[in-house]
PDB file of N, CA and C in Angstrom:
ATOM      1  N   MET A   1      39.028  -5.035 -49.358  1.00  0.00           N
ATOM      2  CA  MET A   1      39.044  -4.792 -47.953  1.00  0.00           C
ATOM      3  C   MET A   1      39.632  -6.223 -47.510  1.00  0.00           C
ATOM      4  N   LEU A   2      39.392  -7.194 -48.095  1.00  0.00           N
ATOM      5  CA  LEU A   2      40.131  -8.300 -47.849  1.00  0.00           C
ATOM      6  C   LEU A   2      41.995  -8.678 -47.984  1.00  0.00           C
ATOM      7  N   GLN A   3      42.223  -7.724 -48.726  1.00  0.00           N
ATOM      8  CA  GLN A   3      43.869  -7.555 -48.444  1.00  0.00           C
ATOM      9  C   GLN A   3      44.273  -6.462 -48.113  1.00  0.00           C
ATOM     10  N   HIS A   4      43.585  -5.651 -47.227  1.00  0.00           N
ATOM     11  CA  HIS A   4      44.316  -4.739 -46.439  1.00  0.00           C
ATOM     12  C   HIS A   4      44.852  -5.213 -45.204  1.00  0.00           C
ATOM     13  N   PRO A   5      45.946  -5.064 -45.185  1.00  0.00           N
ATOM     14  CA  PRO A   5      47.123  -5.112 -43.900  1.00  0.00           C
ATOM     15  C   PRO A   5      46.190  -5.339 -42.579  1.00  0.00           C
ATOM     16  N   VAL A   6      45.715  -4.151 -42.455  1.00  0.00           N
ATOM     17  CA  VAL A   6      45.332  -4.273 -40.767  1.00  0.00           C
ATOM     18  C   VAL A   6      44.368  -5.351 -40.451  1.00  0.00           C
ATOM     19  N   PHE A   7      43.400  -5.334 -41.729  1.00  0.00           N
ATOM     20  CA  PHE A   7      42.272  -6.282 -41.877  1.00  0.00           C
ATOM     21  C   PHE A   7      43.164  -7.890 -41.695  1.00  0.00           C
ATOM     22  N   ARG A   8      44.375  -8.079 -42.284  1.00  0.00           N
ATOM     23  CA  ARG A   8      44.908  -9.345 -42.537  1.00  0.00           C
ATOM     24  C   ARG A   8      45.365  -9.623 -40.844  1.00  0.00           C
ATOM     25  N   ALA A   9      45.749  -8.656 -40.682  1.00  0.00           N
ATOM     26  CA  ALA A   9      46.633  -8.931 -39.113  1.00  0.00           C
ATOM     27  C   ALA A   9      45.251  -9.270 -38.232  1.00  0.00           C
ATOM     28  N   ASP A  10      44.315  -8.627 -38.195  1.00  0.00           N
ATOM     29  CA  ASP A  10      43.168  -8.673 -37.338  1.00  0.00           C
ATOM     30  C   ASP A  10      42.316  -8.215 -37.373  1.00  0.00           C
ATOM     31  N   PRO A  11      41.241  -9.301 -38.100  1.00  0.00           N
ATOM     32  CA  PRO A  11      39.792  -8.959 -38.551  1.00  0.00           C
ATOM     33  C   PRO A  11      38.698  -8.386 -37.629  1.00  0.00           C
ATOM     34  N   LEU A  12      38.962  -9.034 -36.716  1.00  0.00           N
ATOM     35  CA  LEU A  12      37.768  -8.605 -35.642  1.00  0.00           C
ATOM     36  C   LEU A  12      38.139  -7.332 -35.448  1.00  0.00           C
ATOM     37  N   GLN A  13      39.438  -7.033 -34.771  1.00  0.00           N
ATOM     38  CA  GLN A  13      40.298  -5.619 -34.358  1.00  0.00           C
ATOM     39  C   GLN A  13      39.693  -4.457 -35.083  1.00  0.00           C
ATOM     40  N   ALA A  14      40.014  -4.942 -36.950  1.00  0.00           N
ATOM     41  CA  ALA A  14      39.701  -4.004 -37.677  1.00  0.00           C
ATOM     42  C   ALA A  14      38.303  -3.657 -37.807  1.00  0.00           C
ATOM     43  N   ILE A  15      37.339  -4.672 -37.642  1.00  0.00           N
ATOM     44  CA  ILE A  15      35.676  -4.226 -37.753  1.00  0.00           C
ATOM     45  C   ILE A  15      35.372  -3.253 -36.738  1.00  0.00           C
ATOM     46  N   ALA A  16      35.748  -3.451 -35.624  1.00  0.00           N
ATOM     47  CA  ALA A  16      35.527  -2.648 -34.271  1.00  0.00           C
ATOM     48  C   ALA A  16      36.036  -1.702 -34.454  1.00  0.00           C
ATOM     49  N   ASN A  17      37.434  -1.487 -35.027  1.00  0.00           N
ATOM     50  CA  ASN A  17      37.512   0.000 -35.125  1.00  0.00           C
ATOM     51  C   ASN A  17      36.720   1.053 -36.088  1.00  0.00           C
ATOM     52  N   HIS A  18      36.373   0.274 -37.201  1.00  0.00           N
ATOM     53  CA  HIS A  18      35.443   0.543 -38.463  1.00  0.00           C
ATOM     54  C   HIS A  18      34.327   1.212 -37.946  1.00  0.00           C
ATOM     55  N   LEU A  19      33.661   0.268 -37.068  1.00  0.00           N
ATOM     56  CA  LEU A  19      32.325   0.716 -36.418  1.00  0.00           C
ATOM     57  C   LEU A  19      32.499   1.655 -35.506  1.00  0.00           C
ATOM     58  N   ARG A  20      33.514   2.108 -34.656  1.00  0.00           N
ATOM     59  CA  ARG A  20      33.903   2.928 -33.418  1.00  0.00           C
ATOM     60  C   ARG A  20      33.760   4.519 -34.416  1.00  0.00           C
ATOM     61  N   ALA A  21      34.827   4.095 -35.331  1.00  0.00           N
ATOM     62  CA  ALA A  21      34.989   5.242 -36.584  1.00  0.00           C
ATOM     63  C   ALA A  21      33.509   5.408 -37.269  1.00  0.00           C
ATOM     64  N   THR A  22      32.896   4.923 -37.594  1.00  0.00           N
ATOM     65  CA  THR A  22      31.629   5.704 -38.823  1.00  0.00           C
ATOM     66  C   THR A  22      30.015   5.385 -37.906  1.00  0.00           C
ATOM     67  N   LEU A  23      29.826   4.736 -36.500  1.00  0.00           N
ATOM     68  CA  LEU A  23      28.392   4.781 -36.179  1.00  0.00           C
ATOM     69  C   LEU A  23      28.599   5.777 -35.369  1.00  0.00           C
ATOM     70  N   PRO A  24      27.550   6.580 -35.282  1.00  0.00           N
ATOM     71  CA  PRO A  24      27.120   7.807 -34.218  1.00  0.00           C
ATOM     72  C   PRO A  24      27.265   7.231 -32.628  1.00  0.00           C
ATOM     73  N   PRO A  25      27.523   8.098 -31.785  1.00  0.00           N
ATOM     74  CA  PRO A  25      27.656   8.094 -30.217  1.00  0.00           C
ATOM     75  C   PRO A  25      26.386   7.484 -29.981  1.00  0.00           C
ATOM     76  N   PRO A  26      26.199   6.495 -28.927  1.00  0.00           N
ATOM     77  CA  PRO A  26      24.801   6.146 -28.675  1.00  0.00           C
ATOM     78  C   PRO A  26      24.272   7.415 -27.742  1.00  0.00           C
ATOM     79  N   PRO A  27      22.806   7.401 -28.001  1.00  0.00           N
ATOM     80  CA  PRO A  27      22.095   8.544 -27.516  1.00  0.00           C
ATOM     81  C   PRO A  27      22.205   8.361 -25.543  1.00  0.00           C
ATOM     82  N   ALA A  28      22.523   9.808 -24.791  1.00  0.00           N
ATOM     83  CA  ALA A  28      22.648   9.679 -23.711  1.00  0.00           C
ATOM     84  C   ALA A  28      21.434   9.233 -23.066  1.00  0.00           C
ATOM     85  N   ARG A  29      21.811   8.166 -21.781  1.00  0.00           N
ATOM     86  CA  ARG A  29      21.040   7.745 -21.065  1.00  0.00           C
ATOM     87  C   ARG A  29      20.142   8.570 -19.971  1.00  0.00           C
ATOM     88  N   PRO A  30      18.978   8.635 -20.408  1.00  0.00           N
ATOM     89  CA  PRO A  30      18.112   9.544 -18.736  1.00  0.00           C
ATOM     90  C   PRO A  30      18.915   9.234 -17.477  1.00  0.00           C
ATOM     91  N   GLN A  31      18.861  10.259 -16.824  1.00  0.00           N
ATOM     92  CA  GLN A  31      19.470   9.727 -15.074  1.00  0.00           C
ATOM     93  C   GLN A  31      18.242   8.989 -14.996  1.00  0.00           C
ATOM     94  N   ALA A  32      18.746   8.084 -13.632  1.00  0.00           N
ATOM     95  CA  ALA A  32      17.846   7.316 -12.656  1.00  0.00           C
ATOM     96  C   ALA A  32      16.983   8.131 -11.911  1.00  0.00           C
ATOM     97  N   VAL A  33      16.012   7.903 -11.490  1.00  0.00           N
ATOM     98  CA  VAL A  33      14.868   8.659 -10.888  1.00  0.00           C
ATOM     99  C   VAL A  33      15.782   8.687  -9.145  1.00  0.00           C
ATOM    100  N   GLY A  34      15.740   9.558  -8.333  1.00  0.00           N
ATOM    101  CA  GLY A  34      16.403   9.289  -7.398  1.00  0.00           C
ATOM    102  C   GLY A  34      17.884   9.234  -7.182  1.00  0.00           C
ATOM    103  N   GLY A  35      18.355   9.871  -8.044  1.00  0.00           N
ATOM    104  CA  GLY A  35      20.003   9.559  -8.107  1.00  0.00           C
ATOM    105  C   GLY A  35      20.816   9.793  -7.390  1.00  0.00           C
ATOM    106  N   SER A  36      20.800  10.968  -6.432  1.00  0.00           N
ATOM    107  CA  SER A  36      21.134  11.464  -5.431  1.00  0.00           C
ATOM    108  C   SER A  36      21.080  10.724  -4.347  1.00  0.00           C
ATOM    109  N   LYS A  37      22.246  11.064  -3.637  1.00  0.00           N
ATOM    110  CA  LYS A  37      21.958  10.314  -1.828  1.00  0.00           C
ATOM    111  C   LYS A  37      20.945  11.257  -1.432  1.00  0.00           C
ATOM    112  N   GLN A  38      20.784  12.442  -1.407  1.00  0.00           N
ATOM    113  CA  GLN A  38      19.633  13.573  -0.735  1.00  0.00           C
ATOM    114  C   GLN A  38      18.107  12.696  -1.235  1.00  0.00           C
ATOM    115  N   GLN A  39      18.129  12.905  -2.222  1.00  0.00           N
ATOM    116  CA  GLN A  39      16.623  12.208  -2.913  1.00  0.00           C
ATOM    117  C   GLN A  39      16.648  10.884  -2.474  1.00  0.00           C
ATOM    118  N   LYS A  40      17.353  10.221  -1.961  1.00  0.00           N
ATOM    119  CA  LYS A  40      16.929   8.509  -1.728  1.00  0.00           C
ATOM    120  C   LYS A  40      16.526   8.403  -0.366  1.00  0.00           C
ATOM    121  N   GLN A  41      17.355   9.786   0.496  1.00  0.00           N
ATOM    122  CA  GLN A  41      17.253   9.668   1.748  1.00  0.00           C
ATOM    123  C   GLN A  41      16.333  10.449   1.742  1.00  0.00           C
ATOM    124  N   GLN A  42      15.696  11.270   1.083  1.00  0.00           N
ATOM    125  CA  GLN A  42      14.007  11.748   1.468  1.00  0.00           C
ATOM    126  C   GLN A  42      13.238  11.211   1.112  1.00  0.00           C
ATOM    127  N   GLN A  43      13.593   9.830  -0.129  1.00  0.00           N
ATOM    128  CA  GLN A  43      12.381   8.879  -0.308  1.00  0.00           C
ATOM    129  C   GLN A  43      12.419   8.101   0.995  1.00  0.00           C
ATOM    130  N   GLN A  44      13.276   7.258   1.188  1.00  0.00           N
ATOM    131  CA  GLN A  44      13.409   6.526   2.594  1.00  0.00           C
ATOM    132  C   GLN A  44      12.783   7.234   3.648  1.00  0.00           C
ATOM    133  N   GLN A  45      12.721   8.487   4.085  1.00  0.00           N
ATOM    134  CA  GLN A  45      11.986   9.060   5.152  1.00  0.00           C
ATOM    135  C   GLN A  45      10.497   9.410   4.832  1.00  0.00           C
ATOM    136  N   LYS A  46      10.184   9.617   3.628  1.00  0.00           N
ATOM    137  CA  LYS A  46       9.040   9.396   3.215  1.00  0.00           C
ATOM    138  C   LYS A  46       8.293   7.916   3.282  1.00  0.00           C
ATOM    139  N   LYS A  47       9.072   6.805   3.252  1.00  0.00           N
ATOM    140  CA  LYS A  47       8.390   5.909   3.272  1.00  0.00           C
ATOM    141  C   LYS A  47       8.380   5.482   5.034  1.00  0.00           C
ATOM    142  N   LYS A  48       9.345   5.603   5.637  1.00  0.00           N
ATOM    143  CA  LYS A  48       9.486   5.511   6.918  1.00  0.00           C
ATOM    144  C   LYS A  48       7.730   6.194   7.590  1.00  0.00           C
ATOM    145  N   LYS A  49       7.606   7.310   7.540  1.00  0.00           N
ATOM    146  CA  LYS A  49       6.452   8.427   7.729  1.00  0.00           C
ATOM    147  C   LYS A  49       5.481   7.560   7.297  1.00  0.00           C
ATOM    148  N   LYS A  50       5.163   7.235   6.078  1.00  0.00           N
ATOM    149  CA  LYS A  50       4.033   6.913   5.692  1.00  0.00           C
ATOM    150  C   LYS A  50       3.836   5.316   6.492  1.00  0.00           C
ATOM    151  N   LYS A  51       4.884   4.571   6.913  1.00  0.00           N
ATOM    152  CA  LYS A  51       4.463   3.242   7.396  1.00  0.00           C
ATOM    153  C   LYS A  51       3.902   3.819   8.953  1.00  0.00           C
ATOM    154  N   LYS A  52       4.403   4.588   9.707  1.00  0.00           N
ATOM    155  CA  LYS A  52       4.335   4.521  11.028  1.00  0.00           C
ATOM    156  C   LYS A  52       2.773   5.117  11.062  1.00  0.00           C
ATOM    157  N   GLU A  53       2.564   6.028  10.155  1.00  0.00           N
ATOM    158  CA  GLU A  53       1.007   6.552  10.019  1.00  0.00           C
ATOM    159  C   GLU A  53       0.199   5.311   9.859  1.00  0.00           C
ATOM    160  N   GLU A  54       0.280   4.307   8.918  1.00  0.00           N
ATOM    161  CA  GLU A  54      -0.331   3.404   8.714  1.00  0.00           C
ATOM    162  C   GLU A  54      -0.580   2.321   9.773  1.00  0.00           C
ATOM    163  N   GLU A  55       0.884   2.101  10.590  1.00  0.00           N
ATOM    164  CA  GLU A  55       0.497   1.168  11.691  1.00  0.00           C
ATOM    165  C   GLU A  55       0.093   2.166  12.888  1.00  0.00           C
ATOM    166  N   LYS A  56       0.059   3.307  13.059  1.00  0.00           N
ATOM    167  CA  LYS A  56      -0.815   3.884  13.954  1.00  0.00           C
ATOM    168  C   LYS A  56      -2.263   3.816  13.477  1.00  0.00           C
ATOM    169  N   GLN A  57      -2.789   3.928  12.317  1.00  0.00           N
ATOM    170  CA  GLN A  57      -4.087   3.752  12.005  1.00  0.00           C
ATOM    171  C   GLN A  57      -4.449   2.478  12.209  1.00  0.00           C
ATOM    172  N   ASN A  58      -3.742   1.317  12.136  1.00  0.00           N
ATOM    173  CA  ASN A  58      -3.854  -0.222  12.244  1.00  0.00           C
ATOM    174  C   ASN A  58      -3.809  -0.014  13.770  1.00  0.00           C
ATOM    175  N   HIS A  59      -3.516   0.428  14.177  1.00  0.00           N
ATOM    176  CA  HIS A  59      -3.626   0.133  15.861  1.00  0.00           C
ATOM    177  C   HIS A  59      -4.448   0.737  16.480  1.00  0.00           C
ATOM    178  N   CYS A  60      -5.151   1.789  15.920  1.00  0.00           N
ATOM    179  CA  CYS A  60      -6.053   2.669  16.570  1.00  0.00           C
ATOM    180  C   CYS A  60      -7.270   1.713  16.373  1.00  0.00           C
ATOM    181  N   ALA A  61      -7.499   1.283  14.911  1.00  0.00           N
ATOM    182  CA  ALA A  61      -8.651   0.767  14.789  1.00  0.00           C
ATOM    183  C   ALA A  61      -8.712  -0.951  15.255  1.00  0.00           C
ATOM    184  N   ALA A  62      -7.815  -1.209  15.235  1.00  0.00           N
ATOM    185  CA  ALA A  62      -7.422  -2.561  16.366  1.00  0.00           C
ATOM    186  C   ALA A  62      -7.992  -2.237  17.840  1.00  0.00           C
ATOM    187  N   GLY A  63      -7.458  -1.710  18.418  1.00  0.00           N
ATOM    188  CA  GLY A  63      -7.460  -1.285  19.731  1.00  0.00           C
ATOM    189  C   GLY A  63      -8.273  -0.159  20.290  1.00  0.00           C
ATOM    190  N   GLY A  64      -9.293   0.021  19.468  1.00  0.00           N
ATOM    191  CA  GLY A  64     -10.156   1.425  19.877  1.00  0.00           C
ATOM    192  C   GLY A  64     -11.119   1.041  20.601  1.00  0.00           C
ATOM    193  N   GLY A  65     -10.974   0.354  21.844  1.00  0.00           N
ATOM    194  CA  GLY A  65     -12.383  -0.062  22.560  1.00  0.00           C
ATOM    195  C   GLY A  65     -13.092  -1.155  22.145  1.00  0.00           C
ATOM    196  N   GLY A  66     -12.513  -2.445  21.620  1.00  0.00           N
ATOM    197  CA  GLY A  66     -13.067  -3.403  21.110  1.00  0.00           C
ATOM    198  C   GLY A  66     -12.559  -4.095  19.838  1.00  0.00           C
ATOM    199  N   ASP A  67     -13.457  -4.513  19.420  1.00  0.00           N
ATOM    200  CA  ASP A  67     -13.105  -5.453  18.069  1.00  0.00           C
ATOM    201  C   ASP A  67     -13.656  -4.830  16.506  1.00  0.00           C
ATOM    202  N   GLY A  68     -13.937  -3.987  17.100  1.00  0.00           N
ATOM    203  CA  GLY A  68     -14.909  -2.913  16.002  1.00  0.00           C
ATOM    204  C   GLY A  68     -16.039  -3.494  15.323  1.00  0.00           C
ATOM    205  N   MET A  69     -16.637  -4.587  15.883  1.00  0.00           N
ATOM    206  CA  MET A  69     -17.942  -4.858  15.551  1.00  0.00           C
ATOM    207  C   MET A  69     -18.923  -4.340  16.894  1.00  0.00           C
ATOM    208  N   GLN A  70     -20.021  -4.021  16.054  1.00  0.00           N
ATOM    209  CA  GLN A  70     -21.169  -3.832  17.075  1.00  0.00           C
ATOM    210  C   GLN A  70     -22.199  -5.120  17.411  1.00  0.00           C
ATOM    211  N   GLU A  71     -22.665  -5.095  18.390  1.00  0.00           N
ATOM    212  CA  GLU A  71     -23.592  -6.197  18.604  1.00  0.00           C
ATOM    213  C   GLU A  71     -25.163  -5.914  18.694  1.00  0.00           C
TER     214      GLU A  71
END
């Protein structure tokens, strides 16, 4: 191997080529959750809706005719 002309010319490139030729391809990565634009938009709409509902509940609880405490 040390006497091979390609290795003598560029050892690192020879090793890289050898590894590319002999190693199996890397496993396929799973797609990210919510990868499409449509899915991202749907998630954003759900978050906005949930936030509005929480604000409405907090507003009703806070401004419901008093401070929420009984005398």
